[in-house]
Amino acid sequence: MSIAQAKRFTLDEYHRLGELGFFHEDDHIELINGEIIEMASKGTAHETCLRNLLRELPKLVGDRATLQSQAPIALPPNSEPEPDFAILQNRDDNYLSGHPQPADVLLVMEVSDSSLAYDQDVKIPLYAKAGIADYWIFNLFDNYLEAYSEPYQDNQGKHGYLNKRIILSNQIINFPCFPDLSLDLVRVFPPKIIF
């Protein structure tokens, strides 16, 4: 008796499914390690944090880099996450010729509430394996920023980040890609509602 196995997709196969109309425009999906994953719905705190970042990040980054929100990053051979925000190197074609690759990525950011375990357990090794130097999680559950840096691979082939810093929601953090720019987290994290 044989055991059924799930079909894993490459980036090319995933893009072909999109071209064939397999996905709907409003489907919230991403390709992670060959699996098509439906993204978690966003609560009000998540959306508020996204709006705050959408207000703050463009003012800070300006023309120094390209900012994208909930858009694909190609991680060959079989992943295409759509992080909440990514700061990318500027490119003459503004990525018209293809989605950003790991070498284009300066910083990836996820806003996490219900997706916290997924963003820690699945996305950390995914981004580290791709060689993305810096990954931030706006942890709405614990109300602080988790800043990961220095990707590594251990002897068993496991990927992660050597450094994890906790920055409290009332503190300021400098961008690793632009050390002269800082983000005041008071302007990002939604206020905690006490019931």
N, C-alpha and C. Protein backbone atom coordinates (compact mmCIF):
# COMPACT_ATOMS: atom_id res chain seq x y z
N MET A 1 0.84 -1.17 0.00
CA MET A 1 0.00 0.00 0.00
C MET A 1 0.90 1.25 0.00
N SER A 2 0.61 2.16 -0.90
CA SER A 2 1.41 3.39 -0.97
C SER A 2 0.69 4.51 -0.22
N ILE A 3 1.49 5.41 0.31
CA ILE A 3 0.95 6.54 1.07
C ILE A 3 0.90 7.75 0.15
N ALA A 4 -0.23 8.42 0.12
CA ALA A 4 -0.39 9.62 -0.70
C ALA A 4 0.55 10.71 -0.20
N GLN A 5 1.07 11.47 -1.13
CA GLN A 5 1.99 12.54 -0.78
C GLN A 5 1.48 13.84 -1.40
N ALA A 6 1.58 14.92 -0.67
CA ALA A 6 1.14 16.21 -1.18
C ALA A 6 2.06 16.67 -2.31
N LYS A 7 1.47 17.32 -3.30
CA LYS A 7 2.23 17.88 -4.43
C LYS A 7 2.92 19.16 -3.97
N ARG A 8 4.20 19.23 -4.17
CA ARG A 8 4.95 20.46 -3.88
C ARG A 8 5.24 21.16 -5.20
N PHE A 9 5.11 22.46 -5.19
CA PHE A 9 5.25 23.26 -6.40
C PHE A 9 6.56 24.03 -6.42
N THR A 10 7.11 24.18 -7.62
CA THR A 10 8.26 25.07 -7.81
C THR A 10 7.71 26.47 -8.06
N LEU A 11 8.59 27.47 -8.05
CA LEU A 11 8.16 28.83 -8.38
C LEU A 11 7.55 28.90 -9.76
N ASP A 12 8.17 28.23 -10.74
CA ASP A 12 7.64 28.25 -12.11
C ASP A 12 6.25 27.65 -12.18
N GLU A 13 6.04 26.52 -11.51
CA GLU A 13 4.71 25.89 -11.51
C GLU A 13 3.67 26.80 -10.84
N TYR A 14 4.06 27.42 -9.74
CA TYR A 14 3.17 28.32 -9.02
C TYR A 14 2.77 29.51 -9.91
N HIS A 15 3.74 30.09 -10.61
CA HIS A 15 3.44 31.20 -11.51
C HIS A 15 2.55 30.75 -12.66
N ARG A 16 2.79 29.54 -13.15
CA ARG A 16 1.97 29.01 -14.25
C ARG A 16 0.52 28.84 -13.80
N LEU A 17 0.31 28.35 -12.57
CA LEU A 17 -1.05 28.23 -12.05
C LEU A 17 -1.74 29.59 -12.01
N GLY A 18 -0.98 30.62 -11.63
CA GLY A 18 -1.53 31.98 -11.62
C GLY A 18 -1.91 32.45 -13.01
N GLU A 19 -1.05 32.18 -13.99
CA GLU A 19 -1.32 32.56 -15.38
C GLU A 19 -2.55 31.85 -15.92
N LEU A 20 -2.77 30.63 -15.49
CA LEU A 20 -3.92 29.85 -15.95
C LEU A 20 -5.22 30.25 -15.25
N GLY A 21 -5.14 31.17 -14.30
CA GLY A 21 -6.33 31.62 -13.60
C GLY A 21 -6.76 30.71 -12.47
N PHE A 22 -5.85 29.87 -12.00
CA PHE A 22 -6.17 28.93 -10.91
C PHE A 22 -6.49 29.67 -9.61
N PHE A 23 -5.85 30.82 -9.42
CA PHE A 23 -6.08 31.61 -8.21
C PHE A 23 -6.94 32.81 -8.55
N HIS A 24 -7.70 33.27 -7.57
CA HIS A 24 -8.50 34.48 -7.74
C HIS A 24 -7.69 35.68 -7.24
N GLU A 25 -8.00 36.83 -7.78
CA GLU A 25 -7.26 38.05 -7.46
C GLU A 25 -7.26 38.34 -5.96
N ASP A 26 -8.36 38.01 -5.29
CA ASP A 26 -8.45 38.32 -3.86
C ASP A 26 -8.07 37.15 -2.96
N ASP A 27 -7.49 36.08 -3.53
CA ASP A 27 -6.96 34.99 -2.71
C ASP A 27 -5.73 35.49 -1.95
N HIS A 28 -5.68 35.22 -0.67
CA HIS A 28 -4.52 35.62 0.15
C HIS A 28 -3.66 34.39 0.38
N ILE A 29 -2.76 34.15 -0.59
CA ILE A 29 -1.94 32.94 -0.56
C ILE A 29 -0.48 33.30 -0.77
N GLU A 30 0.39 32.37 -0.39
CA GLU A 30 1.81 32.50 -0.70
C GLU A 30 2.38 31.09 -0.83
N LEU A 31 3.49 30.98 -1.55
CA LEU A 31 4.16 29.69 -1.74
C LEU A 31 5.30 29.60 -0.73
N ILE A 32 5.22 28.60 0.15
CA ILE A 32 6.23 28.41 1.19
C ILE A 32 6.72 26.97 1.14
N ASN A 33 8.00 26.80 0.83
CA ASN A 33 8.60 25.46 0.76
C ASN A 33 7.79 24.52 -0.12
N GLY A 34 7.30 25.06 -1.24
CA GLY A 34 6.57 24.24 -2.21
C GLY A 34 5.10 24.07 -1.93
N GLU A 35 4.62 24.55 -0.79
CA GLU A 35 3.20 24.42 -0.43
C GLU A 35 2.49 25.76 -0.62
N ILE A 36 1.27 25.70 -1.15
CA ILE A 36 0.46 26.90 -1.29
C ILE A 36 -0.27 27.09 0.03
N ILE A 37 0.05 28.19 0.71
CA ILE A 37 -0.46 28.46 2.06
C ILE A 37 -1.46 29.61 2.01
N GLU A 38 -2.62 29.39 2.62
CA GLU A 38 -3.58 30.48 2.76
C GLU A 38 -3.17 31.30 3.96
N MET A 39 -3.05 32.60 3.76
CA MET A 39 -2.58 33.48 4.81
C MET A 39 -3.71 33.76 5.80
N ALA A 40 -3.34 33.92 7.07
CA ALA A 40 -4.31 34.16 8.14
C ALA A 40 -4.99 35.51 7.94
N SER A 41 -6.26 35.56 8.35
CA SER A 41 -6.96 36.84 8.29
C SER A 41 -6.38 37.78 9.35
N LYS A 42 -6.53 39.06 9.11
CA LYS A 42 -5.88 40.06 9.96
C LYS A 42 -6.90 40.69 10.91
N GLY A 43 -6.55 40.77 12.18
CA GLY A 43 -7.39 41.42 13.17
C GLY A 43 -7.21 42.93 13.14
N THR A 44 -7.96 43.64 13.98
CA THR A 44 -7.90 45.10 13.96
C THR A 44 -6.54 45.63 14.43
N ALA A 45 -5.93 45.00 15.42
CA ALA A 45 -4.60 45.45 15.88
C ALA A 45 -3.57 45.28 14.76
N HIS A 46 -3.66 44.16 14.03
CA HIS A 46 -2.76 43.90 12.90
C HIS A 46 -2.92 44.99 11.84
N GLU A 47 -4.15 45.28 11.48
CA GLU A 47 -4.41 46.30 10.46
C GLU A 47 -3.95 47.68 10.92
N THR A 48 -4.15 48.00 12.20
CA THR A 48 -3.71 49.29 12.74
C THR A 48 -2.19 49.40 12.67
N CYS A 49 -1.49 48.35 13.04
CA CYS A 49 -0.03 48.35 12.97
C CYS A 49 0.42 48.52 11.51
N LEU A 50 -0.24 47.83 10.58
CA LEU A 50 0.10 47.98 9.15
C LEU A 50 -0.10 49.42 8.70
N ARG A 51 -1.23 50.03 9.09
CA ARG A 51 -1.48 51.43 8.70
C ARG A 51 -0.42 52.35 9.28
N ASN A 52 -0.03 52.11 10.53
CA ASN A 52 1.00 52.93 11.16
C ASN A 52 2.33 52.81 10.41
N LEU A 53 2.69 51.58 10.05
CA LEU A 53 3.93 51.37 9.29
C LEU A 53 3.83 52.01 7.91
N LEU A 54 2.66 51.93 7.30
CA LEU A 54 2.46 52.51 5.98
C LEU A 54 2.60 54.04 6.02
N ARG A 55 2.30 54.63 7.17
CA ARG A 55 2.47 56.07 7.34
C ARG A 55 3.93 56.42 7.63
N GLU A 56 4.60 55.62 8.47
CA GLU A 56 5.95 55.96 8.94
C GLU A 56 7.07 55.57 7.96
N LEU A 57 7.00 54.37 7.40
CA LEU A 57 8.12 53.86 6.59
C LEU A 57 8.43 54.71 5.36
N PRO A 58 7.43 55.11 4.56
CA PRO A 58 7.78 55.93 3.38
C PRO A 58 8.47 57.24 3.74
N LYS A 59 8.06 57.87 4.85
CA LYS A 59 8.70 59.11 5.28
C LYS A 59 10.17 58.87 5.61
N LEU A 60 10.46 57.75 6.25
CA LEU A 60 11.84 57.46 6.67
C LEU A 60 12.71 56.99 5.51
N VAL A 61 12.22 56.07 4.73
CA VAL A 61 13.02 55.45 3.67
C VAL A 61 13.17 56.39 2.48
N GLY A 62 12.10 57.10 2.14
CA GLY A 62 12.15 58.04 1.01
C GLY A 62 12.63 57.37 -0.26
N ASP A 63 13.59 58.01 -0.94
CA ASP A 63 14.12 57.49 -2.21
C ASP A 63 15.36 56.62 -2.01
N ARG A 64 15.75 56.38 -0.79
CA ARG A 64 16.98 55.62 -0.54
C ARG A 64 16.84 54.15 -0.88
N ALA A 65 15.61 53.65 -0.87
CA ALA A 65 15.35 52.24 -1.15
C ALA A 65 13.93 52.12 -1.67
N THR A 66 13.57 50.92 -2.08
CA THR A 66 12.21 50.64 -2.54
C THR A 66 11.47 49.94 -1.41
N LEU A 67 10.28 50.43 -1.12
CA LEU A 67 9.45 49.85 -0.08
C LEU A 67 8.30 49.11 -0.74
N GLN A 68 8.07 47.88 -0.32
CA GLN A 68 6.90 47.16 -0.83
C GLN A 68 6.13 46.57 0.33
N SER A 69 4.81 46.44 0.12
CA SER A 69 3.93 45.93 1.16
C SER A 69 3.08 44.79 0.62
N GLN A 70 3.12 43.66 1.33
CA GLN A 70 2.33 42.47 1.00
C GLN A 70 2.47 42.11 -0.48
N ALA A 71 3.73 42.10 -0.93
CA ALA A 71 4.07 41.77 -2.31
C ALA A 71 5.13 40.68 -2.30
N PRO A 72 5.21 39.89 -3.38
CA PRO A 72 6.09 38.72 -3.40
C PRO A 72 7.58 39.02 -3.39
N ILE A 73 8.30 38.11 -2.73
CA ILE A 73 9.75 38.02 -2.81
C ILE A 73 10.04 36.59 -3.29
N ALA A 74 10.76 36.45 -4.38
CA ALA A 74 11.07 35.12 -4.93
C ALA A 74 12.25 34.52 -4.20
N LEU A 75 12.02 33.35 -3.59
CA LEU A 75 13.08 32.61 -2.91
C LEU A 75 13.20 31.25 -3.59
N PRO A 76 13.97 31.18 -4.69
CA PRO A 76 14.09 29.91 -5.42
C PRO A 76 14.60 28.79 -4.52
N PRO A 77 14.21 27.55 -4.76
CA PRO A 77 13.42 27.12 -5.92
C PRO A 77 11.92 27.06 -5.68
N ASN A 78 11.45 27.15 -4.41
CA ASN A 78 10.04 26.83 -4.20
C ASN A 78 9.32 27.67 -3.14
N SER A 79 9.73 28.93 -2.99
CA SER A 79 9.03 29.80 -2.04
C SER A 79 8.86 31.20 -2.61
N GLU A 80 7.71 31.79 -2.29
CA GLU A 80 7.44 33.16 -2.68
C GLU A 80 6.55 33.80 -1.61
N PRO A 81 7.16 34.12 -0.46
CA PRO A 81 6.38 34.75 0.60
C PRO A 81 5.99 36.17 0.21
N GLU A 82 4.95 36.67 0.88
CA GLU A 82 4.51 38.04 0.69
C GLU A 82 4.50 38.73 2.05
N PRO A 83 5.68 39.12 2.53
CA PRO A 83 5.75 39.73 3.86
C PRO A 83 4.97 41.04 3.92
N ASP A 84 4.62 41.43 5.14
CA ASP A 84 3.86 42.66 5.31
C ASP A 84 4.61 43.85 4.73
N PHE A 85 5.92 43.93 4.96
CA PHE A 85 6.74 44.97 4.36
C PHE A 85 8.11 44.40 4.03
N ALA A 86 8.73 44.97 3.00
CA ALA A 86 10.12 44.68 2.69
C ALA A 86 10.77 45.96 2.20
N ILE A 87 11.99 46.19 2.65
CA ILE A 87 12.80 47.29 2.13
C ILE A 87 13.80 46.66 1.17
N LEU A 88 13.79 47.14 -0.07
CA LEU A 88 14.58 46.56 -1.15
C LEU A 88 15.57 47.58 -1.70
N GLN A 89 16.63 47.06 -2.29
CA GLN A 89 17.54 47.94 -3.02
C GLN A 89 16.78 48.53 -4.21
N ASN A 90 17.06 49.78 -4.51
CA ASN A 90 16.46 50.39 -5.69
C ASN A 90 16.99 49.69 -6.94
N ARG A 91 16.12 49.53 -7.91
CA ARG A 91 16.51 48.95 -9.19
C ARG A 91 15.94 49.82 -10.31
N ASP A 92 16.71 49.99 -11.38
CA ASP A 92 16.30 50.87 -12.47
C ASP A 92 14.91 50.53 -13.02
N ASP A 93 14.58 49.24 -13.10
CA ASP A 93 13.29 48.84 -13.67
C ASP A 93 12.17 48.75 -12.63
N ASN A 94 12.47 49.11 -11.37
CA ASN A 94 11.49 49.03 -10.28
C ASN A 94 10.84 47.65 -10.20
N TYR A 95 11.64 46.62 -10.47
CA TYR A 95 11.24 45.21 -10.36
C TYR A 95 10.18 44.79 -11.38
N LEU A 96 10.09 45.53 -12.48
CA LEU A 96 9.17 45.15 -13.55
C LEU A 96 9.59 43.83 -14.19
N SER A 97 10.90 43.56 -14.26
CA SER A 97 11.39 42.35 -14.92
C SER A 97 11.26 41.09 -14.05
N GLY A 98 10.91 41.26 -12.79
CA GLY A 98 10.75 40.08 -11.92
C GLY A 98 10.68 40.48 -10.46
N HIS A 99 10.07 39.61 -9.67
CA HIS A 99 9.96 39.88 -8.25
C HIS A 99 11.36 39.97 -7.62
N PRO A 100 11.48 40.71 -6.53
CA PRO A 100 12.77 40.80 -5.84
C PRO A 100 13.29 39.43 -5.44
N GLN A 101 14.60 39.27 -5.51
CA GLN A 101 15.31 38.06 -5.10
C GLN A 101 15.99 38.34 -3.76
N PRO A 102 16.49 37.32 -3.07
CA PRO A 102 17.14 37.56 -1.77
C PRO A 102 18.21 38.65 -1.78
N ALA A 103 19.00 38.72 -2.84
CA ALA A 103 20.08 39.73 -2.90
C ALA A 103 19.55 41.15 -2.95
N ASP A 104 18.27 41.32 -3.32
CA ASP A 104 17.66 42.64 -3.40
C ASP A 104 17.12 43.11 -2.05
N VAL A 105 16.96 42.19 -1.11
CA VAL A 105 16.24 42.47 0.13
C VAL A 105 17.18 43.01 1.21
N LEU A 106 16.83 44.18 1.74
CA LEU A 106 17.59 44.79 2.82
C LEU A 106 16.99 44.44 4.19
N LEU A 107 15.66 44.35 4.25
CA LEU A 107 14.96 44.06 5.50
C LEU A 107 13.57 43.54 5.19
N VAL A 108 13.17 42.47 5.89
CA VAL A 108 11.82 41.93 5.79
C VAL A 108 11.12 42.16 7.12
N MET A 109 9.84 42.53 7.05
CA MET A 109 9.06 42.80 8.26
C MET A 109 7.72 42.08 8.20
N GLU A 110 7.38 41.42 9.29
CA GLU A 110 6.07 40.80 9.44
C GLU A 110 5.39 41.38 10.67
N VAL A 111 4.11 41.63 10.56
CA VAL A 111 3.28 42.01 11.70
C VAL A 111 2.57 40.75 12.14
N SER A 112 2.71 40.38 13.42
CA SER A 112 2.24 39.08 13.86
C SER A 112 1.35 39.17 15.09
N ASP A 113 0.17 38.59 14.94
CA ASP A 113 -0.67 38.32 16.10
C ASP A 113 -1.03 36.84 16.05
N SER A 114 -2.09 36.47 15.33
CA SER A 114 -2.44 35.05 15.23
C SER A 114 -1.40 34.25 14.44
N SER A 115 -0.58 34.92 13.63
CA SER A 115 0.43 34.23 12.81
C SER A 115 1.80 34.16 13.48
N LEU A 116 1.89 34.51 14.77
CA LEU A 116 3.19 34.63 15.43
C LEU A 116 4.01 33.34 15.36
N ALA A 117 3.42 32.21 15.73
CA ALA A 117 4.17 30.94 15.72
C ALA A 117 4.65 30.62 14.30
N TYR A 118 3.82 30.87 13.31
CA TYR A 118 4.18 30.61 11.92
C TYR A 118 5.34 31.52 11.48
N ASP A 119 5.25 32.80 11.83
CA ASP A 119 6.30 33.75 11.45
C ASP A 119 7.62 33.43 12.14
N GLN A 120 7.56 32.83 13.33
CA GLN A 120 8.79 32.44 14.04
C GLN A 120 9.30 31.07 13.57
N ASP A 121 8.43 30.08 13.50
CA ASP A 121 8.87 28.70 13.25
C ASP A 121 9.11 28.39 11.77
N VAL A 122 8.36 29.03 10.87
CA VAL A 122 8.48 28.74 9.44
C VAL A 122 9.25 29.84 8.71
N LYS A 123 8.93 31.10 9.00
CA LYS A 123 9.54 32.19 8.24
C LYS A 123 10.99 32.44 8.65
N ILE A 124 11.34 32.27 9.92
CA ILE A 124 12.74 32.49 10.33
C ILE A 124 13.68 31.58 9.53
N PRO A 125 13.46 30.25 9.53
CA PRO A 125 14.38 29.41 8.74
C PRO A 125 14.30 29.70 7.23
N LEU A 126 13.11 30.06 6.74
CA LEU A 126 12.94 30.36 5.32
C LEU A 126 13.79 31.56 4.91
N TYR A 127 13.67 32.66 5.64
CA TYR A 127 14.43 33.87 5.31
C TYR A 127 15.92 33.68 5.58
N ALA A 128 16.25 32.99 6.65
CA ALA A 128 17.67 32.76 6.97
C ALA A 128 18.33 31.90 5.89
N LYS A 129 17.64 30.85 5.44
CA LYS A 129 18.18 29.97 4.39
C LYS A 129 18.43 30.76 3.10
N ALA A 130 17.55 31.72 2.82
CA ALA A 130 17.70 32.54 1.61
C ALA A 130 18.82 33.57 1.75
N GLY A 131 19.37 33.71 2.97
CA GLY A 131 20.45 34.66 3.18
C GLY A 131 19.99 36.08 3.42
N ILE A 132 18.71 36.25 3.75
CA ILE A 132 18.20 37.59 4.05
C ILE A 132 18.76 38.00 5.41
N ALA A 133 19.50 39.11 5.42
CA ALA A 133 20.31 39.47 6.58
C ALA A 133 19.49 39.89 7.80
N ASP A 134 18.36 40.54 7.58
CA ASP A 134 17.61 41.10 8.69
C ASP A 134 16.12 40.84 8.54
N TYR A 135 15.49 40.43 9.64
CA TYR A 135 14.08 40.06 9.67
C TYR A 135 13.49 40.60 10.96
N TRP A 136 12.43 41.39 10.83
CA TRP A 136 11.75 41.96 12.00
C TRP A 136 10.35 41.38 12.12
N ILE A 137 9.98 41.04 13.34
CA ILE A 137 8.60 40.62 13.64
C ILE A 137 8.02 41.63 14.63
N PHE A 138 6.97 42.32 14.21
CA PHE A 138 6.23 43.18 15.12
C PHE A 138 5.26 42.28 15.88
N ASN A 139 5.69 41.85 17.05
CA ASN A 139 4.98 40.87 17.85
C ASN A 139 3.87 41.59 18.64
N LEU A 140 2.64 41.51 18.12
CA LEU A 140 1.52 42.19 18.76
C LEU A 140 1.03 41.44 19.99
N PHE A 141 1.35 40.16 20.07
CA PHE A 141 0.94 39.36 21.23
C PHE A 141 1.70 39.81 22.49
N ASP A 142 3.02 39.98 22.35
CA ASP A 142 3.86 40.40 23.48
C ASP A 142 4.14 41.91 23.47
N ASN A 143 3.70 42.58 22.41
CA ASN A 143 3.83 44.03 22.27
C ASN A 143 5.29 44.50 22.24
N TYR A 144 6.12 43.81 21.44
CA TYR A 144 7.48 44.26 21.21
C TYR A 144 7.95 43.81 19.83
N LEU A 145 9.06 44.40 19.40
CA LEU A 145 9.67 44.05 18.12
C LEU A 145 10.74 43.01 18.35
N GLU A 146 10.73 41.95 17.53
CA GLU A 146 11.80 40.95 17.52
C GLU A 146 12.65 41.24 16.29
N ALA A 147 13.90 41.61 16.50
CA ALA A 147 14.80 41.95 15.40
C ALA A 147 15.84 40.83 15.26
N TYR A 148 15.79 40.10 14.16
CA TYR A 148 16.70 38.98 13.90
C TYR A 148 17.76 39.41 12.90
N SER A 149 19.00 38.95 13.12
CA SER A 149 20.09 39.26 12.19
C SER A 149 21.11 38.13 12.19
N GLU A 150 21.98 38.15 11.20
CA GLU A 150 23.06 37.18 11.00
C GLU A 150 22.55 35.76 10.78
N PRO A 151 22.09 35.49 9.55
CA PRO A 151 21.61 34.14 9.25
C PRO A 151 22.74 33.11 9.35
N TYR A 152 22.37 31.88 9.75
CA TYR A 152 23.36 30.80 9.87
C TYR A 152 22.73 29.48 9.44
N GLN A 153 23.59 28.50 9.22
CA GLN A 153 23.18 27.11 9.00
C GLN A 153 24.03 26.26 9.92
N ASP A 154 23.37 25.40 10.72
CA ASP A 154 24.14 24.56 11.64
C ASP A 154 24.56 23.25 10.97
N ASN A 155 25.22 22.38 11.72
CA ASN A 155 25.75 21.12 11.17
C ASN A 155 24.67 20.16 10.69
N GLN A 156 23.45 20.31 11.20
CA GLN A 156 22.34 19.45 10.77
C GLN A 156 21.56 20.06 9.60
N GLY A 157 22.01 21.19 9.10
CA GLY A 157 21.34 21.83 7.98
C GLY A 157 20.19 22.75 8.38
N LYS A 158 20.01 22.98 9.66
CA LYS A 158 18.96 23.86 10.15
C LYS A 158 19.40 25.32 9.98
N HIS A 159 18.46 26.17 9.56
CA HIS A 159 18.75 27.59 9.35
C HIS A 159 18.06 28.44 10.41
N GLY A 160 18.71 29.52 10.77
CA GLY A 160 18.14 30.46 11.72
C GLY A 160 18.97 31.72 11.75
N TYR A 161 18.75 32.52 12.78
CA TYR A 161 19.51 33.76 12.95
C TYR A 161 20.29 33.68 14.26
N LEU A 162 21.55 34.11 14.22
CA LEU A 162 22.40 34.09 15.41
C LEU A 162 21.94 35.08 16.47
N ASN A 163 21.41 36.22 16.02
CA ASN A 163 21.04 37.28 16.96
C ASN A 163 19.55 37.53 16.95
N LYS A 164 18.99 37.66 18.14
CA LYS A 164 17.60 38.08 18.32
C LYS A 164 17.61 39.17 19.38
N ARG A 165 17.14 40.36 18.99
CA ARG A 165 17.02 41.48 19.93
C ARG A 165 15.55 41.77 20.16
N ILE A 166 15.21 42.10 21.39
CA ILE A 166 13.86 42.52 21.73
C ILE A 166 13.90 44.03 21.91
N ILE A 167 13.02 44.74 21.20
CA ILE A 167 12.92 46.18 21.34
C ILE A 167 11.49 46.47 21.79
N LEU A 168 11.35 47.08 22.94
CA LEU A 168 10.03 47.32 23.53
C LEU A 168 9.25 48.35 22.72
N SER A 169 7.93 48.32 22.85
CA SER A 169 7.06 49.16 22.03
C SER A 169 7.20 50.65 22.34
N ASN A 170 7.91 51.00 23.42
CA ASN A 170 8.14 52.42 23.72
C ASN A 170 9.57 52.85 23.42
N GLN A 171 10.29 52.02 22.65
CA GLN A 171 11.68 52.32 22.32
C GLN A 171 11.83 52.68 20.85
N ILE A 172 13.06 53.02 20.49
CA ILE A 172 13.40 53.41 19.11
C ILE A 172 14.43 52.42 18.59
N ILE A 173 14.29 52.03 17.31
CA ILE A 173 15.26 51.11 16.69
C ILE A 173 15.81 51.76 15.42
N ASN A 174 17.09 51.57 15.19
CA ASN A 174 17.72 52.02 13.94
C ASN A 174 17.60 50.91 12.91
N PHE A 175 17.46 51.32 11.66
CA PHE A 175 17.39 50.35 10.57
C PHE A 175 18.77 49.77 10.32
N PRO A 176 18.89 48.45 10.21
CA PRO A 176 20.21 47.86 9.95
C PRO A 176 20.78 48.29 8.60
N CYS A 177 19.90 48.51 7.62
CA CYS A 177 20.36 48.90 6.29
C CYS A 177 20.68 50.39 6.20
N PHE A 178 20.11 51.19 7.10
CA PHE A 178 20.35 52.64 7.14
C PHE A 178 20.49 53.04 8.61
N PRO A 179 21.68 52.85 9.18
CA PRO A 179 21.86 53.09 10.62
C PRO A 179 21.54 54.52 11.07
N ASP A 180 21.52 55.46 10.13
CA ASP A 180 21.20 56.84 10.49
C ASP A 180 19.69 57.07 10.57
N LEU A 181 18.89 56.09 10.18
CA LEU A 181 17.43 56.21 10.24
C LEU A 181 16.91 55.38 11.41
N SER A 182 15.96 55.95 12.14
CA SER A 182 15.39 55.23 13.28
C SER A 182 13.88 55.27 13.23
N LEU A 183 13.27 54.23 13.79
CA LEU A 183 11.82 54.08 13.84
C LEU A 183 11.40 54.11 15.30
N ASP A 184 10.52 55.05 15.64
CA ASP A 184 9.97 55.17 16.98
C ASP A 184 8.79 54.20 17.08
N LEU A 185 8.95 53.15 17.86
CA LEU A 185 7.93 52.10 17.91
C LEU A 185 6.63 52.57 18.56
N VAL A 186 6.66 53.66 19.31
CA VAL A 186 5.42 54.23 19.87
C VAL A 186 4.48 54.61 18.72
N ARG A 187 5.06 55.01 17.59
CA ARG A 187 4.27 55.43 16.43
C ARG A 187 3.79 54.25 15.59
N VAL A 188 4.21 53.03 15.96
CA VAL A 188 3.88 51.84 15.17
C VAL A 188 2.91 50.90 15.90
N PHE A 189 3.26 50.54 17.12
CA PHE A 189 2.44 49.59 17.86
C PHE A 189 1.12 50.23 18.27
N PRO A 190 0.00 49.52 18.03
CA PRO A 190 -1.27 50.05 18.51
C PRO A 190 -1.30 50.01 20.04
N PRO A 191 -2.03 50.94 20.67
CA PRO A 191 -2.11 50.91 22.14
C PRO A 191 -2.79 49.62 22.59
N LYS A 192 -2.32 49.09 23.71
CA LYS A 192 -2.92 47.89 24.26
C LYS A 192 -4.29 48.23 24.85
N ILE A 193 -5.28 47.43 24.50
CA ILE A 193 -6.62 47.62 25.04
C ILE A 193 -6.78 46.70 26.25
N ILE A 194 -7.07 47.26 27.37
CA ILE A 194 -7.25 46.48 28.60
C ILE A 194 -8.74 46.27 28.83
N PHE A 195 -9.14 45.04 28.99
CA PHE A 195 -10.58 44.73 29.22
C PHE A 195 -10.83 44.49 30.69
